[in-house]
Amino acid sequence: MSISPEVPGFAETLRAAVAARGLSLDRIRDHLARRGVSVSLATLSYWQTGRSRPERRSSLVAVGHLEDVLALSPGALTGLLGPVLRPRAQAGGISAFWPEPAVIDDVVEGVDTRWDARLTRVSQHDRVVVGPERGERSFLSRQVLRAEEDGPDRWVVILHLDEHDRPLPSIRPLRHCRLGRVVTRPADGLLVAELLFRTPLRRGQTVLTEHELVNHAPYPLATNYSRKFRRPVHEYVLEVCFDSLPRTCTRVVQDAGGRRTSGVRLDEGDSVLGVALRFGPGCYGFEWTW
């Protein structure tokens, strides 16, 4: 009969790694802060003594950075935590207003969303270009965000296509951001991407970013566009530019008051413009027919 040696748990492995690295918990916290990860000294102490374990998604992201700080191989700590139960999608969650919240939650697991609730949506401007063949050419988005605490260093973009049998667009960062992790699931028409700011934001600091989603020929037929807001936005502007004029165009708004529609006319520049102030949570967009 042989007895296998007991495998060290999370707390034991963390304590050993901290000792081997020769860093104080205060220095470890500073290293994490420079990566935009906020973890208190008390939390680090509880983790290494076994008084508590990382369980929230933001904590698991922090442990991944902790592995780098302590010069551990990927998974050396996270692999000791076992499966974490994913909470069901709730109103106000990042998957709110999407048609299949569980699928969104699953794909979003591949990126870092811990700063989403700490960024105030000051302004969002979307410009959609529909080509002469009635196809979706591109979506240009410009937004202004304000940090409500120190540390936010990224914004997460979620794109969902109604038609799952066509290629996903390419995403291009244009101003004051660069591309981080990108997760795609073509079978579900999903693209999720991180837009990384130049530096982590300080509390009260604002950032303006621009990015573009570009489709490739043959362009998919364009019939609608909407923006989902799980948190309020002070100003939202949606502009749809048509090279081929639709037969009808309808504004569609969904919020706490329910779903409302109203017909709209194109302006002289063959585009339609919608402006919403202090909007959300909810969805705002246009639908059109050819």
C-alpha atoms as a PDB file:
ATOM      1  CA  MET A   1       0.000   0.000   0.000  1.00  0.00           C
ATOM      2  CA  SER A   2       1.386   3.370  -0.972  1.00  0.00           C
ATOM      3  CA  ILE A   3       0.290   6.763   0.237  1.00  0.00           C
ATOM      4  CA  SER A   4       0.563   9.717  -2.102  1.00  0.00           C
ATOM      5  CA  PRO A   5       1.934  12.884  -0.570  1.00  0.00           C
ATOM      6  CA  GLU A   6      -0.703  15.517   0.127  1.00  0.00           C
ATOM      7  CA  VAL A   7      -0.878  18.148  -2.580  1.00  0.00           C
ATOM      8  CA  PRO A   8      -0.472  21.663  -1.111  1.00  0.00           C
ATOM      9  CA  GLY A   9      -3.606  23.750  -1.236  1.00  0.00           C
ATOM     10  CA  PHE A  10      -4.057  27.297  -2.448  1.00  0.00           C
ATOM     11  CA  ALA A  11      -3.076  28.987   0.848  1.00  0.00           C
ATOM     12  CA  GLU A  12       0.025  26.824   1.341  1.00  0.00           C
ATOM     13  CA  THR A  13       1.201  27.347  -2.251  1.00  0.00           C
ATOM     14  CA  LEU A  14       0.632  31.093  -2.010  1.00  0.00           C
ATOM     15  CA  ARG A  15       2.568  31.364   1.267  1.00  0.00           C
ATOM     16  CA  ALA A  16       5.484  29.398  -0.176  1.00  0.00           C
ATOM     17  CA  ALA A  17       5.555  31.532  -3.329  1.00  0.00           C
ATOM     18  CA  VAL A  18       5.496  34.773  -1.312  1.00  0.00           C
ATOM     19  CA  ALA A  19       8.381  33.534   0.838  1.00  0.00           C
ATOM     20  CA  ALA A  20      10.391  32.382  -2.176  1.00  0.00           C
ATOM     21  CA  ARG A  21       9.906  35.711  -3.946  1.00  0.00           C
ATOM     22  CA  GLY A  22      10.929  37.650  -0.853  1.00  0.00           C
ATOM     23  CA  LEU A  23       8.235  40.290  -1.247  1.00  0.00           C
ATOM     24  CA  SER A  24       6.100  41.822   1.484  1.00  0.00           C
ATOM     25  CA  LEU A  25       2.334  41.850   1.013  1.00  0.00           C
ATOM     26  CA  ASP A  26       2.532  45.626   0.678  1.00  0.00           C
ATOM     27  CA  ARG A  27       4.979  45.304  -2.224  1.00  0.00           C
ATOM     28  CA  ILE A  28       2.807  42.641  -3.841  1.00  0.00           C
ATOM     29  CA  ARG A  29      -0.181  44.942  -3.584  1.00  0.00           C
ATOM     30  CA  ASP A  30       1.840  47.715  -5.278  1.00  0.00           C
ATOM     31  CA  HIS A  31       2.830  45.378  -8.124  1.00  0.00           C
ATOM     32  CA  LEU A  32      -0.825  44.450  -8.648  1.00  0.00           C
ATOM     33  CA  ALA A  33      -1.911  48.098  -8.512  1.00  0.00           C
ATOM     34  CA  ARG A  34       0.503  48.959 -11.334  1.00  0.00           C
ATOM     35  CA  ARG A  35      -1.316  46.327 -13.396  1.00  0.00           C
ATOM     36  CA  GLY A  36      -4.637  47.985 -12.583  1.00  0.00           C
ATOM     37  CA  VAL A  37      -5.603  45.286 -10.068  1.00  0.00           C
ATOM     38  CA  SER A  38      -6.894  46.450  -6.678  1.00  0.00           C
ATOM     39  CA  VAL A  39      -6.503  43.964  -3.803  1.00  0.00           C
ATOM     40  CA  SER A  40      -6.352  45.017  -0.159  1.00  0.00           C
ATOM     41  CA  LEU A  41      -3.636  43.927   2.264  1.00  0.00           C
ATOM     42  CA  ALA A  42      -6.273  42.230   4.385  1.00  0.00           C
ATOM     43  CA  THR A  43      -7.474  40.177   1.428  1.00  0.00           C
ATOM     44  CA  LEU A  44      -3.939  39.061   0.539  1.00  0.00           C
ATOM     45  CA  SER A  45      -3.354  38.114   4.167  1.00  0.00           C
ATOM     46  CA  TYR A  46      -6.605  36.137   4.339  1.00  0.00           C
ATOM     47  CA  TRP A  47      -5.749  34.294   1.133  1.00  0.00           C
ATOM     48  CA  GLN A  48      -2.336  33.140   2.325  1.00  0.00           C
ATOM     49  CA  THR A  49      -3.578  32.097   5.786  1.00  0.00           C
ATOM     50  CA  GLY A  50      -6.568  30.228   4.389  1.00  0.00           C
ATOM     51  CA  ARG A  51      -9.087  32.450   6.151  1.00  0.00           C
ATOM     52  CA  SER A  52     -10.757  33.128   2.787  1.00  0.00           C
ATOM     53  CA  ARG A  53     -10.392  32.053  -0.843  1.00  0.00           C
ATOM     54  CA  PRO A  54     -10.801  33.960  -4.110  1.00  0.00           C
ATOM     55  CA  GLU A  55     -14.279  33.272  -5.463  1.00  0.00           C
ATOM     56  CA  ARG A  56     -15.548  36.298  -7.372  1.00  0.00           C
ATOM     57  CA  ARG A  57     -14.610  36.713 -11.018  1.00  0.00           C
ATOM     58  CA  SER A  58     -12.592  39.857 -10.240  1.00  0.00           C
ATOM     59  CA  SER A  59     -10.668  37.950  -7.565  1.00  0.00           C
ATOM     60  CA  LEU A  60      -9.853  35.135  -9.987  1.00  0.00           C
ATOM     61  CA  VAL A  61      -8.494  37.689 -12.455  1.00  0.00           C
ATOM     62  CA  ALA A  62      -6.350  39.121  -9.637  1.00  0.00           C
ATOM     63  CA  VAL A  63      -4.957  35.651  -8.857  1.00  0.00           C
ATOM     64  CA  GLY A  64      -3.894  35.295 -12.497  1.00  0.00           C
ATOM     65  CA  HIS A  65      -1.866  38.513 -12.177  1.00  0.00           C
ATOM     66  CA  LEU A  66      -0.563  37.308  -8.811  1.00  0.00           C
ATOM     67  CA  GLU A  67       0.961  34.284 -10.525  1.00  0.00           C
ATOM     68  CA  ASP A  68       2.977  36.648 -12.754  1.00  0.00           C
ATOM     69  CA  VAL A  69       4.077  38.846  -9.846  1.00  0.00           C
ATOM     70  CA  LEU A  70       5.284  35.790  -7.912  1.00  0.00           C
ATOM     71  CA  ALA A  71       7.024  34.307 -10.985  1.00  0.00           C
ATOM     72  CA  LEU A  72       4.781  31.244 -10.963  1.00  0.00           C
ATOM     73  CA  SER A  73       3.707  29.271 -13.993  1.00  0.00           C
ATOM     74  CA  PRO A  74       0.177  29.990 -15.310  1.00  0.00           C
ATOM     75  CA  GLY A  75      -2.362  27.983 -13.348  1.00  0.00           C
ATOM     76  CA  ALA A  76      -0.060  27.368 -10.375  1.00  0.00           C
ATOM     77  CA  LEU A  77      -2.565  29.137  -8.111  1.00  0.00           C
ATOM     78  CA  THR A  78      -5.760  29.314 -10.146  1.00  0.00           C
ATOM     79  CA  GLY A  79      -5.580  25.565 -10.759  1.00  0.00           C
ATOM     80  CA  LEU A  80      -5.853  24.972  -7.006  1.00  0.00           C
ATOM     81  CA  LEU A  81      -9.135  26.813  -6.634  1.00  0.00           C
ATOM     82  CA  GLY A  82     -11.278  24.223  -8.381  1.00  0.00           C
ATOM     83  CA  PRO A  83     -14.415  25.008 -10.342  1.00  0.00           C
ATOM     84  CA  VAL A  84     -16.184  28.232  -9.478  1.00  0.00           C
ATOM     85  CA  LEU A  85     -19.924  28.389  -9.759  1.00  0.00           C
ATOM     86  CA  ARG A  86     -20.987  31.022 -12.247  1.00  0.00           C
ATOM     87  CA  PRO A  87     -23.894  33.120 -10.956  1.00  0.00           C
ATOM     88  CA  ARG A  88     -27.020  33.188 -13.024  1.00  0.00           C
ATOM     89  CA  ALA A  89     -27.457  36.233 -15.211  1.00  0.00           C
ATOM     90  CA  GLN A  90     -29.346  38.914 -13.344  1.00  0.00           C
ATOM     91  CA  ALA A  91     -30.887  42.200 -14.358  1.00  0.00           C
ATOM     92  CA  GLY A  92     -28.077  44.721 -14.445  1.00  0.00           C
ATOM     93  CA  GLY A  93     -25.462  42.038 -15.099  1.00  0.00           C
ATOM     94  CA  ILE A  94     -23.138  42.321 -18.070  1.00  0.00           C
ATOM     95  CA  SER A  95     -25.370  39.966 -20.071  1.00  0.00           C
ATOM     96  CA  ALA A  96     -28.525  41.985 -19.385  1.00  0.00           C
ATOM     97  CA  PHE A  97     -30.688  42.712 -22.475  1.00  0.00           C
ATOM     98  CA  TRP A  98     -28.892  40.129 -24.627  1.00  0.00           C
ATOM     99  CA  PRO A  99     -31.061  37.379 -26.168  1.00  0.00           C
ATOM    100  CA  GLU A 100     -29.042  34.512 -24.648  1.00  0.00           C
ATOM    101  CA  PRO A 101     -27.485  35.735 -21.378  1.00  0.00           C
ATOM    102  CA  ALA A 102     -25.879  32.391 -20.496  1.00  0.00           C
ATOM    103  CA  VAL A 103     -23.978  32.328 -23.800  1.00  0.00           C
ATOM    104  CA  ILE A 104     -22.786  35.914 -23.296  1.00  0.00           C
ATOM    105  CA  ASP A 105     -21.621  35.123 -19.753  1.00  0.00           C
ATOM    106  CA  ASP A 106     -19.723  32.080 -21.004  1.00  0.00           C
ATOM    107  CA  VAL A 107     -17.846  33.985 -23.733  1.00  0.00           C
ATOM    108  CA  VAL A 108     -17.160  36.989 -21.498  1.00  0.00           C
ATOM    109  CA  GLU A 109     -15.338  34.653 -19.088  1.00  0.00           C
ATOM    110  CA  GLY A 110     -12.404  34.891 -21.501  1.00  0.00           C
ATOM    111  CA  VAL A 111     -11.806  38.615 -20.885  1.00  0.00           C
ATOM    112  CA  ASP A 112     -11.366  40.912 -17.899  1.00  0.00           C
ATOM    113  CA  THR A 113     -14.609  42.723 -17.025  1.00  0.00           C
ATOM    114  CA  ARG A 114     -13.836  43.717 -13.440  1.00  0.00           C
ATOM    115  CA  TRP A 115     -13.793  47.461 -14.229  1.00  0.00           C
ATOM    116  CA  ASP A 116     -17.132  47.578 -16.032  1.00  0.00           C
ATOM    117  CA  ALA A 117     -19.091  48.793 -13.007  1.00  0.00           C
ATOM    118  CA  ARG A 118     -16.421  51.385 -12.109  1.00  0.00           C
ATOM    119  CA  LEU A 119     -16.682  53.294 -15.393  1.00  0.00           C
ATOM    120  CA  THR A 120     -19.384  55.918 -15.858  1.00  0.00           C
ATOM    121  CA  ARG A 121     -20.712  56.199 -19.398  1.00  0.00           C
ATOM    122  CA  VAL A 122     -20.457  59.928 -20.109  1.00  0.00           C
ATOM    123  CA  SER A 123     -20.999  59.852 -23.865  1.00  0.00           C
ATOM    124  CA  GLN A 124     -21.385  57.247 -26.615  1.00  0.00           C
ATOM    125  CA  HIS A 125     -21.557  57.985 -30.346  1.00  0.00           C
ATOM    126  CA  ASP A 126     -22.115  55.185 -32.869  1.00  0.00           C
ATOM    127  CA  ARG A 127     -21.917  55.696 -36.630  1.00  0.00           C
ATOM    128  CA  VAL A 128     -23.179  52.852 -38.837  1.00  0.00           C
ATOM    129  CA  VAL A 129     -22.436  52.813 -42.582  1.00  0.00           C
ATOM    130  CA  VAL A 130     -24.761  50.878 -44.919  1.00  0.00           C
ATOM    131  CA  GLY A 131     -23.404  50.466 -48.455  1.00  0.00           C
ATOM    132  CA  PRO A 132     -25.141  50.710 -51.845  1.00  0.00           C
ATOM    133  CA  GLU A 133     -25.736  46.948 -51.871  1.00  0.00           C
ATOM    134  CA  ARG A 134     -27.701  47.401 -48.604  1.00  0.00           C
ATOM    135  CA  GLY A 135     -24.908  45.693 -46.693  1.00  0.00           C
ATOM    136  CA  GLU A 136     -23.375  46.516 -43.326  1.00  0.00           C
ATOM    137  CA  ARG A 137     -20.008  48.088 -44.061  1.00  0.00           C
ATOM    138  CA  SER A 138     -18.733  49.342 -40.703  1.00  0.00           C
ATOM    139  CA  PHE A 139     -19.589  50.494 -37.185  1.00  0.00           C
ATOM    140  CA  LEU A 140     -17.545  53.355 -35.719  1.00  0.00           C
ATOM    141  CA  SER A 141     -17.848  53.935 -31.968  1.00  0.00           C
ATOM    142  CA  ARG A 142     -16.515  56.862 -29.959  1.00  0.00           C
ATOM    143  CA  GLN A 143     -17.074  57.032 -26.224  1.00  0.00           C
ATOM    144  CA  VAL A 144     -16.091  59.044 -23.169  1.00  0.00           C
ATOM    145  CA  LEU A 145     -15.733  57.173 -19.866  1.00  0.00           C
ATOM    146  CA  ARG A 146     -15.007  58.401 -16.343  1.00  0.00           C
ATOM    147  CA  ALA A 147     -13.301  56.292 -13.671  1.00  0.00           C
ATOM    148  CA  GLU A 148     -15.088  56.144 -10.323  1.00  0.00           C
ATOM    149  CA  GLU A 149     -12.023  54.690  -8.571  1.00  0.00           C
ATOM    150  CA  ASP A 150      -8.333  54.202  -9.285  1.00  0.00           C
ATOM    151  CA  GLY A 151      -7.363  51.399 -11.651  1.00  0.00           C
ATOM    152  CA  PRO A 152      -9.640  50.970 -14.702  1.00  0.00           C
ATOM    153  CA  ASP A 153      -7.428  50.113 -17.655  1.00  0.00           C
ATOM    154  CA  ARG A 154      -9.778  48.649 -20.260  1.00  0.00           C
ATOM    155  CA  TRP A 155     -13.205  48.587 -21.832  1.00  0.00           C
ATOM    156  CA  VAL A 156     -14.903  45.419 -23.089  1.00  0.00           C
ATOM    157  CA  VAL A 157     -16.721  45.401 -26.440  1.00  0.00           C
ATOM    158  CA  ILE A 158     -19.441  42.811 -27.065  1.00  0.00           C
ATOM    159  CA  LEU A 159     -20.801  42.234 -30.573  1.00  0.00           C
ATOM    160  CA  HIS A 160     -23.644  39.842 -31.352  1.00  0.00           C
ATOM    161  CA  LEU A 161     -24.765  39.016 -34.893  1.00  0.00           C
ATOM    162  CA  ASP A 162     -28.314  37.841 -35.488  1.00  0.00           C
ATOM    163  CA  GLU A 163     -27.096  35.699 -38.401  1.00  0.00           C
ATOM    164  CA  HIS A 164     -24.649  33.061 -37.187  1.00  0.00           C
ATOM    165  CA  ASP A 165     -23.697  31.836 -40.659  1.00  0.00           C
ATOM    166  CA  ARG A 166     -21.607  34.841 -41.692  1.00  0.00           C
ATOM    167  CA  PRO A 167     -18.075  35.914 -40.764  1.00  0.00           C
ATOM    168  CA  LEU A 168     -17.505  38.093 -37.745  1.00  0.00           C
ATOM    169  CA  PRO A 169     -16.158  41.594 -38.469  1.00  0.00           C
ATOM    170  CA  SER A 170     -12.621  42.731 -37.717  1.00  0.00           C
ATOM    171  CA  ILE A 171     -12.119  45.112 -34.810  1.00  0.00           C
ATOM    172  CA  ARG A 172      -9.681  48.023 -35.088  1.00  0.00           C
ATOM    173  CA  PRO A 173      -8.681  50.346 -32.243  1.00  0.00           C
ATOM    174  CA  LEU A 174      -8.399  53.897 -33.616  1.00  0.00           C
ATOM    175  CA  ARG A 175      -7.754  56.408 -30.800  1.00  0.00           C
ATOM    176  CA  HIS A 176      -6.368  56.237 -27.262  1.00  0.00           C
ATOM    177  CA  CYS A 177      -6.625  52.445 -26.960  1.00  0.00           C
ATOM    178  CA  ARG A 178      -5.068  49.234 -28.178  1.00  0.00           C
ATOM    179  CA  LEU A 179      -6.440  45.757 -28.653  1.00  0.00           C
ATOM    180  CA  GLY A 180      -6.199  43.289 -25.769  1.00  0.00           C
ATOM    181  CA  ARG A 181      -7.697  39.826 -25.629  1.00  0.00           C
ATOM    182  CA  VAL A 182     -10.250  38.908 -28.297  1.00  0.00           C
ATOM    183  CA  VAL A 183     -12.644  35.983 -27.893  1.00  0.00           C
ATOM    184  CA  THR A 184     -14.785  34.861 -30.820  1.00  0.00           C
ATOM    185  CA  ARG A 185     -17.503  32.248 -31.102  1.00  0.00           C
ATOM    186  CA  PRO A 186     -18.693  32.290 -34.719  1.00  0.00           C
ATOM    187  CA  ALA A 187     -21.291  29.582 -34.108  1.00  0.00           C
ATOM    188  CA  ASP A 188     -23.103  31.975 -31.774  1.00  0.00           C
ATOM    189  CA  GLY A 189     -22.297  35.144 -33.745  1.00  0.00           C
ATOM    190  CA  LEU A 190     -20.244  36.563 -30.875  1.00  0.00           C
ATOM    191  CA  LEU A 191     -17.118  38.685 -30.673  1.00  0.00           C
ATOM    192  CA  VAL A 192     -15.817  39.984 -27.327  1.00  0.00           C
ATOM    193  CA  ALA A 193     -12.724  42.192 -27.170  1.00  0.00           C
ATOM    194  CA  GLU A 194     -10.757  44.247 -24.664  1.00  0.00           C
ATOM    195  CA  LEU A 195      -9.781  47.805 -25.553  1.00  0.00           C
ATOM    196  CA  LEU A 196      -6.819  48.688 -23.340  1.00  0.00           C
ATOM    197  CA  PHE A 197      -6.297  52.303 -22.306  1.00  0.00           C
ATOM    198  CA  ARG A 198      -2.824  53.832 -22.570  1.00  0.00           C
ATOM    199  CA  THR A 199      -2.491  53.881 -18.773  1.00  0.00           C
ATOM    200  CA  PRO A 200      -4.782  52.929 -15.864  1.00  0.00           C
ATOM    201  CA  LEU A 201      -7.160  55.729 -14.948  1.00  0.00           C
ATOM    202  CA  ARG A 202      -7.226  57.604 -11.673  1.00  0.00           C
ATOM    203  CA  ARG A 203     -10.492  58.277  -9.888  1.00  0.00           C
ATOM    204  CA  GLY A 204     -12.338  61.100 -11.653  1.00  0.00           C
ATOM    205  CA  GLN A 205     -10.167  60.854 -14.785  1.00  0.00           C
ATOM    206  CA  THR A 206     -11.857  60.602 -18.199  1.00  0.00           C
ATOM    207  CA  VAL A 207     -10.780  58.824 -21.357  1.00  0.00           C
ATOM    208  CA  LEU A 208     -11.982  59.100 -24.956  1.00  0.00           C
ATOM    209  CA  THR A 209     -11.613  56.018 -27.131  1.00  0.00           C
ATOM    210  CA  GLU A 210     -12.537  55.164 -30.702  1.00  0.00           C
ATOM    211  CA  HIS A 211     -12.753  51.783 -32.365  1.00  0.00           C
ATOM    212  CA  GLU A 212     -14.245  50.394 -35.546  1.00  0.00           C
ATOM    213  CA  LEU A 213     -15.834  47.095 -36.519  1.00  0.00           C
ATOM    214  CA  VAL A 214     -15.358  46.382 -40.223  1.00  0.00           C
ATOM    215  CA  ASN A 215     -17.185  43.746 -42.267  1.00  0.00           C
ATOM    216  CA  HIS A 216     -15.762  42.082 -45.355  1.00  0.00           C
ATOM    217  CA  ALA A 217     -17.385  41.474 -48.736  1.00  0.00           C
ATOM    218  CA  PRO A 218     -19.856  40.048 -49.436  1.00  0.00           C
ATOM    219  CA  TYR A 219     -21.419  42.403 -46.915  1.00  0.00           C
ATOM    220  CA  PRO A 220     -24.332  41.082 -44.846  1.00  0.00           C
ATOM    221  CA  LEU A 221     -27.760  42.592 -45.404  1.00  0.00           C
ATOM    222  CA  ALA A 222     -28.347  45.427 -42.938  1.00  0.00           C
ATOM    223  CA  THR A 223     -31.769  45.567 -41.285  1.00  0.00           C
ATOM    224  CA  ASN A 224     -31.150  46.986 -37.782  1.00  0.00           C
ATOM    225  CA  TYR A 225     -28.673  48.298 -35.229  1.00  0.00           C
ATOM    226  CA  SER A 226     -29.053  48.735 -31.467  1.00  0.00           C
ATOM    227  CA  ARG A 227     -26.843  49.565 -28.496  1.00  0.00           C
ATOM    228  CA  LYS A 228     -27.402  47.857 -25.150  1.00  0.00           C
ATOM    229  CA  PHE A 229     -26.726  49.774 -21.936  1.00  0.00           C
ATOM    230  CA  ARG A 230     -26.605  47.850 -18.680  1.00  0.00           C
ATOM    231  CA  ARG A 231     -25.751  51.128 -16.937  1.00  0.00           C
ATOM    232  CA  PRO A 232     -26.995  54.671 -17.657  1.00  0.00           C
ATOM    233  CA  VAL A 233     -25.303  56.895 -20.212  1.00  0.00           C
ATOM    234  CA  HIS A 234     -25.491  60.703 -20.018  1.00  0.00           C
ATOM    235  CA  GLU A 235     -25.641  61.094 -23.811  1.00  0.00           C
ATOM    236  CA  TYR A 236     -26.096  58.558 -26.594  1.00  0.00           C
ATOM    237  CA  VAL A 237     -25.971  59.479 -30.272  1.00  0.00           C
ATOM    238  CA  LEU A 238     -26.729  56.934 -32.991  1.00  0.00           C
ATOM    239  CA  GLU A 239     -26.208  57.815 -36.656  1.00  0.00           C
ATOM    240  CA  VAL A 240     -26.993  55.411 -39.509  1.00  0.00           C
ATOM    241  CA  CYS A 241     -25.750  56.477 -42.946  1.00  0.00           C
ATOM    242  CA  PHE A 242     -27.389  54.904 -46.028  1.00  0.00           C
ATOM    243  CA  ASP A 243     -25.968  54.725 -49.567  1.00  0.00           C
ATOM    244  CA  SER A 244     -29.152  52.922 -50.592  1.00  0.00           C
ATOM    245  CA  LEU A 245     -32.345  54.345 -49.093  1.00  0.00           C
ATOM    246  CA  PRO A 246     -34.575  52.059 -47.012  1.00  0.00           C
ATOM    247  CA  ARG A 247     -38.333  51.958 -47.538  1.00  0.00           C
ATOM    248  CA  THR A 248     -39.149  52.527 -43.859  1.00  0.00           C
ATOM    249  CA  CYS A 249     -37.134  53.290 -40.718  1.00  0.00           C
ATOM    250  CA  THR A 250     -38.254  52.866 -37.113  1.00  0.00           C
ATOM    251  CA  ARG A 251     -36.744  53.943 -33.802  1.00  0.00           C
ATOM    252  CA  VAL A 252     -36.871  51.152 -31.208  1.00  0.00           C
ATOM    253  CA  VAL A 253     -36.396  51.869 -27.504  1.00  0.00           C
ATOM    254  CA  GLN A 254     -36.555  49.322 -24.702  1.00  0.00           C
ATOM    255  CA  ASP A 255     -36.158  50.317 -21.053  1.00  0.00           C
ATOM    256  CA  ALA A 256     -37.981  50.061 -17.741  1.00  0.00           C
ATOM    257  CA  GLY A 257     -41.077  51.475 -19.436  1.00  0.00           C
ATOM    258  CA  GLY A 258     -41.210  48.605 -21.933  1.00  0.00           C
ATOM    259  CA  ARG A 259     -40.633  48.500 -25.689  1.00  0.00           C
ATOM    260  CA  ARG A 260     -41.621  51.528 -27.770  1.00  0.00           C
ATOM    261  CA  THR A 261     -41.355  52.200 -31.508  1.00  0.00           C
ATOM    262  CA  SER A 262     -41.796  55.306 -33.629  1.00  0.00           C
ATOM    263  CA  GLY A 263     -41.335  56.012 -37.320  1.00  0.00           C
ATOM    264  CA  VAL A 264     -38.510  58.353 -38.382  1.00  0.00           C
ATOM    265  CA  ARG A 265     -37.512  60.104 -41.616  1.00  0.00           C
ATOM    266  CA  LEU A 266     -34.081  60.316 -43.165  1.00  0.00           C
ATOM    267  CA  ASP A 267     -32.431  63.735 -43.309  1.00  0.00           C
ATOM    268  CA  GLU A 268     -31.062  65.441 -46.419  1.00  0.00           C
ATOM    269  CA  GLY A 269     -27.789  63.575 -46.066  1.00  0.00           C
ATOM    270  CA  ASP A 270     -29.559  60.215 -46.378  1.00  0.00           C
ATOM    271  CA  SER A 271     -28.928  59.347 -42.762  1.00  0.00           C
ATOM    272  CA  VAL A 272     -30.995  58.973 -39.625  1.00  0.00           C
ATOM    273  CA  LEU A 273     -29.984  60.411 -36.267  1.00  0.00           C
ATOM    274  CA  GLY A 274     -31.113  59.485 -32.783  1.00  0.00           C
ATOM    275  CA  VAL A 275     -30.161  61.206 -29.524  1.00  0.00           C
ATOM    276  CA  ALA A 276     -30.951  59.954 -26.025  1.00  0.00           C
ATOM    277  CA  LEU A 277     -30.057  61.857 -22.848  1.00  0.00           C
ATOM    278  CA  ARG A 278     -29.685  60.237 -19.443  1.00  0.00           C
ATOM    279  CA  PHE A 279     -30.692  56.908 -20.976  1.00  0.00           C
ATOM    280  CA  GLY A 280     -30.528  53.415 -19.551  1.00  0.00           C
ATOM    281  CA  PRO A 281     -30.451  50.720 -18.530  1.00  0.00           C
ATOM    282  CA  GLY A 282     -32.005  49.595 -21.782  1.00  0.00           C
ATOM    283  CA  CYS A 283     -31.595  49.309 -25.553  1.00  0.00           C
ATOM    284  CA  TYR A 284     -31.742  52.053 -28.190  1.00  0.00           C
ATOM    285  CA  GLY A 285     -31.611  51.561 -31.927  1.00  0.00           C
ATOM    286  CA  PHE A 286     -33.182  51.606 -35.384  1.00  0.00           C
ATOM    287  CA  GLU A 287     -34.808  48.999 -37.588  1.00  0.00           C
ATOM    288  CA  TRP A 288     -35.504  49.451 -41.299  1.00  0.00           C
ATOM    289  CA  THR A 289     -37.016  47.663 -44.275  1.00  0.00           C
ATOM    290  CA  TRP A 290     -36.035  47.650 -47.954  1.00  0.00           C
END
